[in-house]
PDB file of N, CA and C in Angstrom:
ATOM      1  N   MET A   1      11.572   9.560  87.073  1.00  0.00           N
ATOM      2  CA  MET A   1      12.109  10.369  86.036  1.00  0.00           C
ATOM      3  C   MET A   1      13.084   9.567  85.171  1.00  0.00           C
ATOM      4  N   GLN A   2      13.839   8.746  85.823  1.00  0.00           N
ATOM      5  CA  GLN A   2      14.765   7.874  85.111  1.00  0.00           C
ATOM      6  C   GLN A   2      13.974   7.005  84.134  1.00  0.00           C
ATOM      7  N   CYS A   3      12.887   6.565  84.601  1.00  0.00           N
ATOM      8  CA  CYS A   3      12.044   5.712  83.765  1.00  0.00           C
ATOM      9  C   CYS A   3      11.570   6.483  82.543  1.00  0.00           C
ATOM     10  N   ARG A   4      11.194   7.694  82.745  1.00  0.00           N
ATOM     11  CA  ARG A   4      10.733   8.512  81.620  1.00  0.00           C
ATOM     12  C   ARG A   4      11.875   8.788  80.677  1.00  0.00           C
ATOM     13  N   LEU A   5      13.040   9.021  81.219  1.00  0.00           N
ATOM     14  CA  LEU A   5      14.209   9.290  80.385  1.00  0.00           C
ATOM     15  C   LEU A   5      14.555   8.058  79.544  1.00  0.00           C
ATOM     16  N   THR A   6      14.527   6.903  80.135  1.00  0.00           N
ATOM     17  CA  THR A   6      14.797   5.652  79.426  1.00  0.00           C
ATOM     18  C   THR A   6      13.731   5.447  78.356  1.00  0.00           C
ATOM     19  N   GLU A   7      12.507   5.705  78.740  1.00  0.00           N
ATOM     20  CA  GLU A   7      11.413   5.551  77.779  1.00  0.00           C
ATOM     21  C   GLU A   7      11.590   6.520  76.614  1.00  0.00           C
ATOM     22  N   ALA A   8      11.978   7.731  76.892  1.00  0.00           N
ATOM     23  CA  ALA A   8      12.188   8.728  75.853  1.00  0.00           C
ATOM     24  C   ALA A   8      13.363   8.343  74.970  1.00  0.00           C
ATOM     25  N   GLU A   9      14.431   7.794  75.585  1.00  0.00           N
ATOM     26  CA  GLU A   9      15.586   7.349  74.781  1.00  0.00           C
ATOM     27  C   GLU A   9      15.188   6.187  73.870  1.00  0.00           C
ATOM     28  N   GLU A  10      14.385   5.271  74.400  1.00  0.00           N
ATOM     29  CA  GLU A  10      13.911   4.139  73.586  1.00  0.00           C
ATOM     30  C   GLU A  10      13.022   4.650  72.452  1.00  0.00           C
ATOM     31  N   THR A  11      12.205   5.614  72.760  1.00  0.00           N
ATOM     32  CA  THR A  11      11.334   6.196  71.741  1.00  0.00           C
ATOM     33  C   THR A  11      12.184   6.875  70.679  1.00  0.00           C
ATOM     34  N   ILE A  12      13.215   7.588  71.114  1.00  0.00           N
ATOM     35  CA  ILE A  12      14.106   8.263  70.160  1.00  0.00           C
ATOM     36  C   ILE A  12      14.818   7.231  69.300  1.00  0.00           C
ATOM     37  N   GLU A  13      15.290   6.147  69.928  1.00  0.00           N
ATOM     38  CA  GLU A  13      15.973   5.093  69.156  1.00  0.00           C
ATOM     39  C   GLU A  13      15.021   4.460  68.149  1.00  0.00           C
ATOM     40  N   SER A  14      13.827   4.162  68.592  1.00  0.00           N
ATOM     41  CA  SER A  14      12.868   3.550  67.667  1.00  0.00           C
ATOM     42  C   SER A  14      12.503   4.512  66.548  1.00  0.00           C
ATOM     43  N   LEU A  15      12.386   5.801  66.905  1.00  0.00           N
ATOM     44  CA  LEU A  15      12.086   6.797  65.862  1.00  0.00           C
ATOM     45  C   LEU A  15      13.267   6.952  64.907  1.00  0.00           C
ATOM     46  N   ASN A  16      14.502   6.902  65.449  1.00  0.00           N
ATOM     47  CA  ASN A  16      15.685   6.958  64.578  1.00  0.00           C
ATOM     48  C   ASN A  16      15.734   5.745  63.657  1.00  0.00           C
ATOM     49  N   THR A  17      15.375   4.586  64.191  1.00  0.00           N
ATOM     50  CA  THR A  17      15.327   3.375  63.367  1.00  0.00           C
ATOM     51  C   THR A  17      14.286   3.547  62.253  1.00  0.00           C
ATOM     52  N   ARG A  18      13.137   4.111  62.637  1.00  0.00           N
ATOM     53  CA  ARG A  18      12.100   4.346  61.631  1.00  0.00           C
ATOM     54  C   ARG A  18      12.561   5.372  60.603  1.00  0.00           C
ATOM     55  N   VAL A  19      13.289   6.392  61.056  1.00  0.00           N
ATOM     56  CA  VAL A  19      13.796   7.414  60.148  1.00  0.00           C
ATOM     57  C   VAL A  19      14.760   6.772  59.159  1.00  0.00           C
ATOM     58  N   VAL A  20      15.650   5.908  59.652  1.00  0.00           N
ATOM     59  CA  VAL A  20      16.597   5.225  58.768  1.00  0.00           C
ATOM     60  C   VAL A  20      15.848   4.351  57.762  1.00  0.00           C
ATOM     61  N   ALA A  21      14.847   3.624  58.256  1.00  0.00           N
ATOM     62  CA  ALA A  21      14.045   2.782  57.354  1.00  0.00           C
ATOM     63  C   ALA A  21      13.325   3.636  56.325  1.00  0.00           C
ATOM     64  N   LEU A  22      12.777   4.761  56.790  1.00  0.00           N
ATOM     65  CA  LEU A  22      12.079   5.661  55.856  1.00  0.00           C
ATOM     66  C   LEU A  22      13.050   6.285  54.864  1.00  0.00           C
ATOM     67  N   GLU A  23      14.271   6.581  55.301  1.00  0.00           N
ATOM     68  CA  GLU A  23      15.286   7.106  54.378  1.00  0.00           C
ATOM     69  C   GLU A  23      15.620   6.080  53.298  1.00  0.00           C
ATOM     70  N   LYS A  24      15.756   4.810  53.738  1.00  0.00           N
ATOM     71  CA  LYS A  24      16.020   3.737  52.759  1.00  0.00           C
ATOM     72  C   LYS A  24      14.865   3.611  51.774  1.00  0.00           C
ATOM     73  N   THR A  25      13.660   3.674  52.320  1.00  0.00           N
ATOM     74  CA  THR A  25      12.478   3.587  51.450  1.00  0.00           C
ATOM     75  C   THR A  25      12.442   4.777  50.493  1.00  0.00           C
ATOM     76  N   LYS A  26      12.756   5.944  51.046  1.00  0.00           N
ATOM     77  CA  LYS A  26      12.784   7.158  50.218  1.00  0.00           C
ATOM     78  C   LYS A  26      13.816   7.014  49.104  1.00  0.00           C
ATOM     79  N   GLN A  27      15.005   6.511  49.439  1.00  0.00           N
ATOM     80  CA  GLN A  27      16.065   6.323  48.441  1.00  0.00           C
ATOM     81  C   GLN A  27      15.625   5.318  47.373  1.00  0.00           C
ATOM     82  N   LYS A  28      15.016   4.216  47.816  1.00  0.00           N
ATOM     83  CA  LYS A  28      14.534   3.190  46.880  1.00  0.00           C
ATOM     84  C   LYS A  28      13.468   3.786  45.948  1.00  0.00           C
ATOM     85  N   LEU A  29      12.538   4.540  46.523  1.00  0.00           N
ATOM     86  CA  LEU A  29      11.479   5.150  45.715  1.00  0.00           C
ATOM     87  C   LEU A  29      12.047   6.213  44.771  1.00  0.00           C
ATOM     88  N   SER A  30      13.065   6.946  45.225  1.00  0.00           N
ATOM     89  CA  SER A  30      13.702   7.946  44.355  1.00  0.00           C
ATOM     90  C   SER A  30      14.368   7.262  43.169  1.00  0.00           C
ATOM     91  N   THR A  31      15.046   6.142  43.439  1.00  0.00           N
ATOM     92  CA  THR A  31      15.684   5.387  42.361  1.00  0.00           C
ATOM     93  C   THR A  31      14.642   4.856  41.376  1.00  0.00           C
ATOM     94  N   GLU A  32      13.554   4.309  41.913  1.00  0.00           N
ATOM     95  CA  GLU A  32      12.475   3.813  41.049  1.00  0.00           C
ATOM     96  C   GLU A  32      11.870   4.949  40.229  1.00  0.00           C
ATOM     97  N   LEU A  33      11.712   6.112  40.865  1.00  0.00           N
ATOM     98  CA  LEU A  33      11.154   7.266  40.153  1.00  0.00           C
ATOM     99  C   LEU A  33      12.065   7.678  38.997  1.00  0.00           C
ATOM    100  N   GLU A  34      13.370   7.741  39.261  1.00  0.00           N
ATOM    101  CA  GLU A  34      14.324   8.089  38.206  1.00  0.00           C
ATOM    102  C   GLU A  34      14.273   7.072  37.077  1.00  0.00           C
ATOM    103  N   ASP A  35      14.219   5.773  37.435  1.00  0.00           N
ATOM    104  CA  ASP A  35      14.113   4.726  36.411  1.00  0.00           C
ATOM    105  C   ASP A  35      12.843   4.902  35.583  1.00  0.00           C
ATOM    106  N   MET A  36      11.741   5.194  36.265  1.00  0.00           N
ATOM    107  CA  MET A  36      10.473   5.382  35.546  1.00  0.00           C
ATOM    108  C   MET A  36      10.525   6.620  34.653  1.00  0.00           C
ATOM    109  N   GLN A  37      11.183   7.675  35.133  1.00  0.00           N
ATOM    110  CA  GLN A  37      11.304   8.879  34.311  1.00  0.00           C
ATOM    111  C   GLN A  37      12.145   8.588  33.063  1.00  0.00           C
ATOM    112  N   LEU A  38      13.228   7.806  33.251  1.00  0.00           N
ATOM    113  CA  LEU A  38      14.031   7.412  32.085  1.00  0.00           C
ATOM    114  C   LEU A  38      13.202   6.561  31.123  1.00  0.00           C
ATOM    115  N   GLU A  39      12.398   5.668  31.673  1.00  0.00           N
ATOM    116  CA  GLU A  39      11.527   4.820  30.844  1.00  0.00           C
ATOM    117  C   GLU A  39      10.516   5.675  30.078  1.00  0.00           C
ATOM    118  N   VAL A  40       9.964   6.684  30.752  1.00  0.00           N
ATOM    119  CA  VAL A  40       9.005   7.597  30.099  1.00  0.00           C
ATOM    120  C   VAL A  40       9.698   8.333  28.957  1.00  0.00           C
ATOM    121  N   GLU A  41      10.900   8.816  29.194  1.00  0.00           N
ATOM    122  CA  GLU A  41      11.645   9.527  28.143  1.00  0.00           C
ATOM    123  C   GLU A  41      11.925   8.598  26.957  1.00  0.00           C
ATOM    124  N   ARG A  42      12.336   7.365  27.259  1.00  0.00           N
ATOM    125  CA  ARG A  42      12.587   6.405  26.164  1.00  0.00           C
ATOM    126  C   ARG A  42      11.303   6.149  25.381  1.00  0.00           C
ATOM    127  N   ASN A  43      10.193   6.007  26.113  1.00  0.00           N
ATOM    128  CA  ASN A  43       8.918   5.758  25.440  1.00  0.00           C
ATOM    129  C   ASN A  43       8.473   6.965  24.611  1.00  0.00           C
ATOM    130  N   ARG A  44       8.711   8.163  25.107  1.00  0.00           N
ATOM    131  CA  ARG A  44       8.369   9.361  24.333  1.00  0.00           C
ATOM    132  C   ARG A  44       9.210   9.431  23.061  1.00  0.00           C
ATOM    133  N   SER A  45      10.483   9.121  23.211  1.00  0.00           N
ATOM    134  CA  SER A  45      11.372   9.123  22.050  1.00  0.00           C
ATOM    135  C   SER A  45      10.922   8.075  21.032  1.00  0.00           C
ATOM    136  N   LEU A  46      10.571   6.895  21.548  1.00  0.00           N
ATOM    137  CA  LEU A  46      10.087   5.821  20.671  1.00  0.00           C
ATOM    138  C   LEU A  46       8.781   6.239  19.993  1.00  0.00           C
ATOM    139  N   GLU A  47       7.894   6.891  20.747  1.00  0.00           N
ATOM    140  CA  GLU A  47       6.628   7.350  20.185  1.00  0.00           C
ATOM    141  C   GLU A  47       6.873   8.354  19.058  1.00  0.00           C
ATOM    142  N   ASN A  48       7.781   9.308  19.292  1.00  0.00           N
ATOM    143  CA  ASN A  48       8.091  10.294  18.251  1.00  0.00           C
ATOM    144  C   ASN A  48       8.662   9.616  17.013  1.00  0.00           C
ATOM    145  N   SER A  49       9.529   8.654  17.234  1.00  0.00           N
ATOM    146  CA  SER A  49      10.111   7.916  16.112  1.00  0.00           C
ATOM    147  C   SER A  49       9.023   7.168  15.334  1.00  0.00           C
ATOM    148  N   MET A  50       8.124   6.534  16.076  1.00  0.00           N
ATOM    149  CA  MET A  50       7.028   5.793  15.435  1.00  0.00           C
ATOM    150  C   MET A  50       6.091   6.724  14.675  1.00  0.00           C
ATOM    151  N   LEU A  51       5.838   7.904  15.245  1.00  0.00           N
ATOM    152  CA  LEU A  51       4.970   8.869  14.554  1.00  0.00           C
ATOM    153  C   LEU A  51       5.603   9.326  13.245  1.00  0.00           C
ATOM    154  N   LYS A  52       6.913   9.564  13.278  1.00  0.00           N
ATOM    155  CA  LYS A  52       7.612   9.940  12.047  1.00  0.00           C
ATOM    156  C   LYS A  52       7.524   8.819  11.025  1.00  0.00           C
ATOM    157  N   ARG A  53       7.735   7.586  11.488  1.00  0.00           N
ATOM    158  CA  ARG A  53       7.636   6.437  10.565  1.00  0.00           C
ATOM    159  C   ARG A  53       6.232   6.313  10.000  1.00  0.00           C
ATOM    160  N   GLN A  54       5.239   6.508  10.863  1.00  0.00           N
ATOM    161  CA  GLN A  54       3.860   6.406  10.407  1.00  0.00           C
ATOM    162  C   GLN A  54       3.558   7.464   9.359  1.00  0.00           C
ATOM    163  N   LYS A  55       4.005   8.704   9.589  1.00  0.00           N
ATOM    164  CA  LYS A  55       3.785   9.768   8.602  1.00  0.00           C
ATOM    165  C   LYS A  55       4.455   9.421   7.281  1.00  0.00           C
ATOM    166  N   ASN A  56       5.681   8.912   7.361  1.00  0.00           N
ATOM    167  CA  ASN A  56       6.404   8.513   6.157  1.00  0.00           C
ATOM    168  C   ASN A  56       5.674   7.370   5.451  1.00  0.00           C
ATOM    169  N   PHE A  57       5.217   6.406   6.238  1.00  0.00           N
ATOM    170  CA  PHE A  57       4.483   5.280   5.674  1.00  0.00           C
ATOM    171  C   PHE A  57       3.191   5.751   5.013  1.00  0.00           C
ATOM    172  N   ASP A  58       2.462   6.641   5.681  1.00  0.00           N
ATOM    173  CA  ASP A  58       1.226   7.180   5.101  1.00  0.00           C
ATOM    174  C   ASP A  58       1.510   7.913   3.795  1.00  0.00           C
ATOM    175  N   LYS A  59       2.625   8.640   3.764  1.00  0.00           N
ATOM    176  CA  LYS A  59       3.011   9.358   2.546  1.00  0.00           C
ATOM    177  C   LYS A  59       3.287   8.365   1.416  1.00  0.00           C
ATOM    178  N   ILE A  60       4.009   7.300   1.733  1.00  0.00           N
ATOM    179  CA  ILE A  60       4.326   6.282   0.724  1.00  0.00           C
ATOM    180  C   ILE A  60       3.045   5.600   0.241  1.00  0.00           C
ATOM    181  N   VAL A  61       2.153   5.279   1.179  1.00  0.00           N
ATOM    182  CA  VAL A  61       0.879   4.639   0.807  1.00  0.00           C
ATOM    183  C   VAL A  61       0.081   5.557  -0.114  1.00  0.00           C
ATOM    184  N   GLN A  62       0.049   6.840   0.209  1.00  0.00           N
ATOM    185  CA  GLN A  62      -0.679   7.804  -0.623  1.00  0.00           C
ATOM    186  C   GLN A  62      -0.086   7.874  -2.029  1.00  0.00           C
ATOM    187  N   GLU A  63       1.253   7.893  -2.122  1.00  0.00           N
ATOM    188  CA  GLU A  63       1.914   7.924  -3.423  1.00  0.00           C
ATOM    189  C   GLU A  63       1.583   6.663  -4.223  1.00  0.00           C
ATOM    190  N   LEU A  64       1.602   5.504  -3.553  1.00  0.00           N
ATOM    191  CA  LEU A  64       1.296   4.251  -4.247  1.00  0.00           C
ATOM    192  C   LEU A  64      -0.159   4.203  -4.695  1.00  0.00           C
ATOM    193  N   LYS A  65      -1.070   4.731  -3.855  1.00  0.00           N
ATOM    194  CA  LYS A  65      -2.476   4.788  -4.266  1.00  0.00           C
ATOM    195  C   LYS A  65      -2.633   5.678  -5.492  1.00  0.00           C
ATOM    196  N   SER A  66      -1.933   6.794  -5.500  1.00  0.00           N
ATOM    197  CA  SER A  66      -1.996   7.719  -6.632  1.00  0.00           C
ATOM    198  C   SER A  66      -1.475   7.040  -7.895  1.00  0.00           C
ATOM    199  N   LYS A  67      -0.331   6.339  -7.762  1.00  0.00           N
ATOM    200  CA  LYS A  67       0.217   5.629  -8.918  1.00  0.00           C
ATOM    201  C   LYS A  67      -0.736   4.541  -9.390  1.00  0.00           C
ATOM    202  N   ALA A  68      -1.353   3.832  -8.442  1.00  0.00           N
ATOM    203  CA  ALA A  68      -2.307   2.778  -8.812  1.00  0.00           C
ATOM    204  C   ALA A  68      -3.499   3.364  -9.554  1.00  0.00           C
ATOM    205  N   ASP A  69      -3.992   4.504  -9.086  1.00  0.00           N
ATOM    206  CA  ASP A  69      -5.109   5.168  -9.776  1.00  0.00           C
ATOM    207  C   ASP A  69      -4.704   5.591 -11.183  1.00  0.00           C
ATOM    208  N   ASP A  70      -3.505   6.149 -11.314  1.00  0.00           N
ATOM    209  CA  ASP A  70      -3.011   6.553 -12.635  1.00  0.00           C
ATOM    210  C   ASP A  70      -2.910   5.346 -13.559  1.00  0.00           C
ATOM    211  N   LEU A  71      -2.359   4.252 -13.042  1.00  0.00           N
ATOM    212  CA  LEU A  71      -2.236   3.040 -13.859  1.00  0.00           C
ATOM    213  C   LEU A  71      -3.603   2.480 -14.230  1.00  0.00           C
ATOM    214  N   HIS A  72      -4.561   2.574 -13.309  1.00  0.00           N
ATOM    215  CA  HIS A  72      -5.911   2.090 -13.601  1.00  0.00           C
ATOM    216  C   HIS A  72      -6.543   2.911 -14.724  1.00  0.00           C
ATOM    217  N   HIS A  73      -6.389   4.229 -14.646  1.00  0.00           N
ATOM    218  CA  HIS A  73      -6.929   5.083 -15.713  1.00  0.00           C
ATOM    219  C   HIS A  73      -6.218   4.808 -17.038  1.00  0.00           C
ATOM    220  N   GLU A  74      -4.920   4.609 -16.987  1.00  0.00           N
ATOM    221  CA  GLU A  74      -4.160   4.299 -18.203  1.00  0.00           C
ATOM    222  C   GLU A  74      -4.611   2.964 -18.779  1.00  0.00           C
ATOM    223  N   LEU A  75      -4.846   1.976 -17.908  1.00  0.00           N
ATOM    224  CA  LEU A  75      -5.326   0.671 -18.366  1.00  0.00           C
ATOM    225  C   LEU A  75      -6.685   0.800 -19.021  1.00  0.00           C
ATOM    226  N   ASP A  76      -7.590   1.560 -18.396  1.00  0.00           N
ATOM    227  CA  ASP A  76      -8.917   1.772 -18.995  1.00  0.00           C
ATOM    228  C   ASP A  76      -8.803   2.406 -20.377  1.00  0.00           C
ATOM    229  N   GLY A  77      -7.970   3.432 -20.500  1.00  0.00           N
ATOM    230  CA  GLY A  77      -7.785   4.098 -21.792  1.00  0.00           C
ATOM    231  C   GLY A  77      -7.185   3.158 -22.823  1.00  0.00           C
ATOM    232  N   THR A  78      -6.207   2.356 -22.395  1.00  0.00           N
ATOM    233  CA  THR A  78      -5.564   1.412 -23.313  1.00  0.00           C
ATOM    234  C   THR A  78      -6.551   0.344 -23.770  1.00  0.00           C
ATOM    235  N   GLN A  79      -7.382  -0.154 -22.841  1.00  0.00           N
ATOM    236  CA  GLN A  79      -8.378  -1.153 -23.226  1.00  0.00           C
ATOM    237  C   GLN A  79      -9.397  -0.567 -24.202  1.00  0.00           C
ATOM    238  N   LYS A  80      -9.799   0.674 -23.968  1.00  0.00           N
ATOM    239  CA  LYS A  80     -10.743   1.329 -24.886  1.00  0.00           C
ATOM    240  C   LYS A  80     -10.095   1.492 -26.258  1.00  0.00           C
ATOM    241  N   GLU A  81      -8.839   1.926 -26.274  1.00  0.00           N
ATOM    242  CA  GLU A  81      -8.117   2.086 -27.534  1.00  0.00           C
ATOM    243  C   GLU A  81      -7.974   0.743 -28.247  1.00  0.00           C
ATOM    244  N   CYS A  82      -7.703  -0.303 -27.471  1.00  0.00           N
ATOM    245  CA  CYS A  82      -7.566  -1.646 -28.050  1.00  0.00           C
ATOM    246  C   CYS A  82      -8.883  -2.097 -28.680  1.00  0.00           C
ATOM    247  N   ARG A  83     -10.001  -1.834 -27.986  1.00  0.00           N
ATOM    248  CA  ARG A  83     -11.311  -2.199 -28.552  1.00  0.00           C
ATOM    249  C   ARG A  83     -11.572  -1.432 -29.846  1.00  0.00           C
ATOM    250  N   ASN A  84     -11.198  -0.141 -29.869  1.00  0.00           N
ATOM    251  CA  ASN A  84     -11.385   0.659 -31.092  1.00  0.00           C
ATOM    252  C   ASN A  84     -10.562   0.093 -32.238  1.00  0.00           C
ATOM    253  N   TYR A  85      -9.289  -0.237 -31.945  1.00  0.00           N
ATOM    254  CA  TYR A  85      -8.433  -0.815 -32.978  1.00  0.00           C
ATOM    255  C   TYR A  85      -8.960  -2.173 -33.434  1.00  0.00           C
ATOM    256  N   SER A  86      -9.471  -2.954 -32.503  1.00  0.00           N
ATOM    257  CA  SER A  86     -10.012  -4.262 -32.850  1.00  0.00           C
ATOM    258  C   SER A  86     -11.226  -4.112 -33.762  1.00  0.00           C
ATOM    259  N   THR A  87     -12.084  -3.143 -33.440  1.00  0.00           N
ATOM    260  CA  THR A  87     -13.259  -2.886 -34.280  1.00  0.00           C
ATOM    261  C   THR A  87     -12.832  -2.438 -35.671  1.00  0.00           C
ATOM    262  N   GLU A  88     -11.853  -1.544 -35.708  1.00  0.00           N
ATOM    263  CA  GLU A  88     -11.349  -1.048 -36.990  1.00  0.00           C
ATOM    264  C   GLU A  88     -10.705  -2.176 -37.794  1.00  0.00           C
ATOM    265  N   LEU A  89      -9.949  -3.013 -37.138  1.00  0.00           N
ATOM    266  CA  LEU A  89      -9.321  -4.150 -37.814  1.00  0.00           C
ATOM    267  C   LEU A  89     -10.382  -5.089 -38.371  1.00  0.00           C
ATOM    268  N   PHE A  90     -11.417  -5.355 -37.579  1.00  0.00           N
ATOM    269  CA  PHE A  90     -12.494  -6.219 -38.049  1.00  0.00           C
ATOM    270  C   PHE A  90     -13.176  -5.610 -39.263  1.00  0.00           C
ATOM    271  N   ARG A  91     -13.376  -4.275 -39.250  1.00  0.00           N
ATOM    272  CA  ARG A  91     -13.986  -3.600 -40.393  1.00  0.00           C
ATOM    273  C   ARG A  91     -13.111  -3.747 -41.635  1.00  0.00           C
ATOM    274  N   TYR A  92     -11.786  -3.535 -41.476  1.00  0.00           N
ATOM    275  CA  TYR A  92     -10.870  -3.690 -42.607  1.00  0.00           C
ATOM    276  C   TYR A  92     -10.853  -5.134 -43.102  1.00  0.00           C
ATOM    277  N   PHE A  93     -10.893  -6.081 -42.172  1.00  0.00           N
ATOM    278  CA  PHE A  93     -10.906  -7.488 -42.565  1.00  0.00           C
ATOM    279  C   PHE A  93     -12.156  -7.800 -43.366  1.00  0.00           C
ATOM    280  N   GLU A  94     -13.297  -7.247 -42.921  1.00  0.00           N
ATOM    281  CA  GLU A  94     -14.550  -7.458 -43.625  1.00  0.00           C
ATOM    282  C   GLU A  94     -14.496  -6.853 -45.030  1.00  0.00           C
ATOM    283  N   LEU A  95     -13.943  -5.629 -45.137  1.00  0.00           N
ATOM    284  CA  LEU A  95     -13.808  -5.002 -46.452  1.00  0.00           C
ATOM    285  C   LEU A  95     -12.879  -5.811 -47.355  1.00  0.00           C
ATOM    286  N   TYR A  96     -11.789  -6.285 -46.774  1.00  0.00           N
ATOM    287  CA  TYR A  96     -10.839  -7.098 -47.536  1.00  0.00           C
ATOM    288  C   TYR A  96     -11.507  -8.381 -48.010  1.00  0.00           C
ATOM    289  N   PHE A  97     -12.258  -9.022 -47.108  1.00  0.00           N
ATOM    290  CA  PHE A  97     -12.923 -10.270 -47.461  1.00  0.00           C
ATOM    291  C   PHE A  97     -13.955 -10.030 -48.553  1.00  0.00           C
ATOM    292  N   ARG A  98     -14.707  -8.927 -48.433  1.00  0.00           N
ATOM    293  CA  ARG A  98     -15.691  -8.611 -49.471  1.00  0.00           C
ATOM    294  C   ARG A  98     -14.987  -8.353 -50.807  1.00  0.00           C
ATOM    295  N   GLY A  99     -13.841  -7.641 -50.744  1.00  0.00           N
ATOM    296  CA  GLY A  99     -13.094  -7.358 -51.970  1.00  0.00           C
ATOM    297  C   GLY A  99     -12.575  -8.641 -52.605  1.00  0.00           C
ATOM    298  N   CYS A 100     -12.075  -9.541 -51.759  1.00  0.00           N
ATOM    299  CA  CYS A 100     -11.589 -10.831 -52.283  1.00  0.00           C
ATOM    300  C   CYS A 100     -12.721 -11.623 -52.898  1.00  0.00           C
ATOM    301  N   CYS A 101     -13.856 -11.648 -52.216  1.00  0.00           N
ATOM    302  CA  CYS A 101     -14.999 -12.402 -52.718  1.00  0.00           C
ATOM    303  C   CYS A 101     -15.489 -11.786 -54.023  1.00  0.00           C
ATOM    304  N   THR A 102     -15.569 -10.462 -54.071  1.00  0.00           N
ATOM    305  CA  THR A 102     -16.036  -9.785 -55.275  1.00  0.00           C
ATOM    306  C   THR A 102     -15.067 -10.060 -56.406  1.00  0.00           C
ATOM    307  N   SER A 103     -13.784  -9.978 -56.115  1.00  0.00           N
ATOM    308  CA  SER A 103     -12.791 -10.229 -57.145  1.00  0.00           C
ATOM    309  C   SER A 103     -12.828 -11.685 -57.587  1.00  0.00           C
ATOM    310  N   SER A 104     -13.060 -12.600 -56.647  1.00  0.00           N
ATOM    311  CA  SER A 104     -13.146 -14.021 -57.005  1.00  0.00           C
ATOM    312  C   SER A 104     -14.367 -14.275 -57.861  1.00  0.00           C
ATOM    313  N   VAL A 105     -15.481 -13.640 -57.486  1.00  0.00           N
ATOM    314  CA  VAL A 105     -16.709 -13.808 -58.272  1.00  0.00           C
ATOM    315  C   VAL A 105     -16.507 -13.220 -59.655  1.00  0.00           C
ATOM    316  N   MET A 106     -15.883 -12.035 -59.745  1.00  0.00           N
ATOM    317  CA  MET A 106     -15.641 -11.416 -61.042  1.00  0.00           C
ATOM    318  C   MET A 106     -14.688 -12.289 -61.858  1.00  0.00           C
ATOM    319  N   SER A 107     -13.679 -12.813 -61.220  1.00  0.00           N
ATOM    320  CA  SER A 107     -12.727 -13.676 -61.914  1.00  0.00           C
ATOM    321  C   SER A 107     -13.433 -14.935 -62.399  1.00  0.00           C
ATOM    322  N   PHE A 108     -14.289 -15.493 -61.552  1.00  0.00           N
ATOM    323  CA  PHE A 108     -15.030 -16.690 -61.924  1.00  0.00           C
ATOM    324  C   PHE A 108     -15.973 -16.393 -63.096  1.00  0.00           C
ATOM    325  N   ASN A 109     -16.664 -15.245 -63.022  1.00  0.00           N
ATOM    326  CA  ASN A 109     -17.565 -14.857 -64.120  1.00  0.00           C
ATOM    327  C   ASN A 109     -16.778 -14.632 -65.406  1.00  0.00           C
ATOM    328  N   THR A 110     -15.596 -14.039 -65.301  1.00  0.00           N
ATOM    329  CA  THR A 110     -14.770 -13.810 -66.477  1.00  0.00           C
ATOM    330  C   THR A 110     -14.356 -15.133 -67.093  1.00  0.00           C
ATOM    331  N   LYS A 111     -13.951 -16.070 -66.241  1.00  0.00           N
ATOM    332  CA  LYS A 111     -13.538 -17.399 -66.736  1.00  0.00           C
ATOM    333  C   LYS A 111     -14.705 -18.105 -67.405  1.00  0.00           C
ATOM    334  N   ILE A 112     -15.875 -17.976 -66.809  1.00  0.00           N
ATOM    335  CA  ILE A 112     -17.063 -18.615 -67.422  1.00  0.00           C
ATOM    336  C   ILE A 112     -17.366 -17.943 -68.751  1.00  0.00           C
ATOM    337  N   GLY A 113     -17.229 -16.639 -68.788  1.00  0.00           N
ATOM    338  CA  GLY A 113     -17.484 -15.910 -70.039  1.00  0.00           C
ATOM    339  C   GLY A 113     -16.499 -16.353 -71.114  1.00  0.00           C
ATOM    340  N   ILE A 114     -15.241 -16.542 -70.782  1.00  0.00           N
ATOM    341  CA  ILE A 114     -14.238 -16.977 -71.766  1.00  0.00           C
ATOM    342  C   ILE A 114     -14.551 -18.384 -72.241  1.00  0.00           C
ATOM    343  N   VAL A 115     -14.937 -19.242 -71.303  1.00  0.00           N
ATOM    344  CA  VAL A 115     -15.276 -20.621 -71.664  1.00  0.00           C
ATOM    345  C   VAL A 115     -16.516 -20.616 -72.566  1.00  0.00           C
ATOM    346  N   ASN A 116     -17.487 -19.787 -72.226  1.00  0.00           N
ATOM    347  CA  ASN A 116     -18.689 -19.705 -73.038  1.00  0.00           C
ATOM    348  C   ASN A 116     -18.357 -19.192 -74.423  1.00  0.00           C
ATOM    349  N   ASN A 117     -17.535 -18.176 -74.527  1.00  0.00           N
ATOM    350  CA  ASN A 117     -17.144 -17.611 -75.807  1.00  0.00           C
ATOM    351  C   ASN A 117     -16.377 -18.641 -76.622  1.00  0.00           C
ATOM    352  N   SER A 118     -15.502 -19.360 -75.954  1.00  0.00           N
ATOM    353  CA  SER A 118     -14.735 -20.401 -76.661  1.00  0.00           C
ATOM    354  C   SER A 118     -15.660 -21.485 -77.171  1.00  0.00           C
ATOM    355  N   PHE A 119     -16.608 -21.853 -76.344  1.00  0.00           N
ATOM    356  CA  PHE A 119     -17.533 -22.912 -76.710  1.00  0.00           C
ATOM    357  C   PHE A 119     -18.418 -22.451 -77.873  1.00  0.00           C
ATOM    358  N   ILE A 120     -18.823 -21.189 -77.824  1.00  0.00           N
ATOM    359  CA  ILE A 120     -19.659 -20.643 -78.896  1.00  0.00           C
ATOM    360  C   ILE A 120     -18.852 -20.574 -80.197  1.00  0.00           C
ATOM    361  N   SER A 121     -17.577 -20.198 -80.100  1.00  0.00           N
ATOM    362  CA  SER A 121     -16.772 -20.127 -81.294  1.00  0.00           C
ATOM    363  C   SER A 121     -16.560 -21.523 -81.909  1.00  0.00           C
ATOM    364  N   LEU A 122     -16.462 -22.486 -81.053  1.00  0.00           N
ATOM    365  CA  LEU A 122     -16.254 -23.839 -81.546  1.00  0.00           C
ATOM    366  C   LEU A 122     -17.502 -24.338 -82.259  1.00  0.00           C
ATOM    367  N   MET A 123     -18.595 -23.850 -81.950  1.00  0.00           N
ATOM    368  CA  MET A 123     -19.811 -24.335 -82.546  1.00  0.00           C
ATOM    369  C   MET A 123     -20.002 -23.680 -83.842  1.00  0.00           C
TER     370      MET A 123
END
């Protein structure tokens, strides 16, 4: 019986040692769990912050695309207007050139007529 009692005491001691070891392990795992939970919370907070930034960035990108489209349409209209003005200017230049040429020809014909009249009078 003494032997059984000693054996039982040794078993109790070994089980108490295991309980202490398991308590330490439990404490270590609890600490790790708390650290991981804090890490999860930080990551969730970071994710929310990033999502807000992304939404803001998407909004800014959309506004810039809209402005770029507006500027592109304005550029197209301005280029079309410029071509119209260029065509009109070329037409006016052509009319001016024709008027100058006609006036030069008329002036030249008038001068020839005066010279001819003078020459005829001299004869």
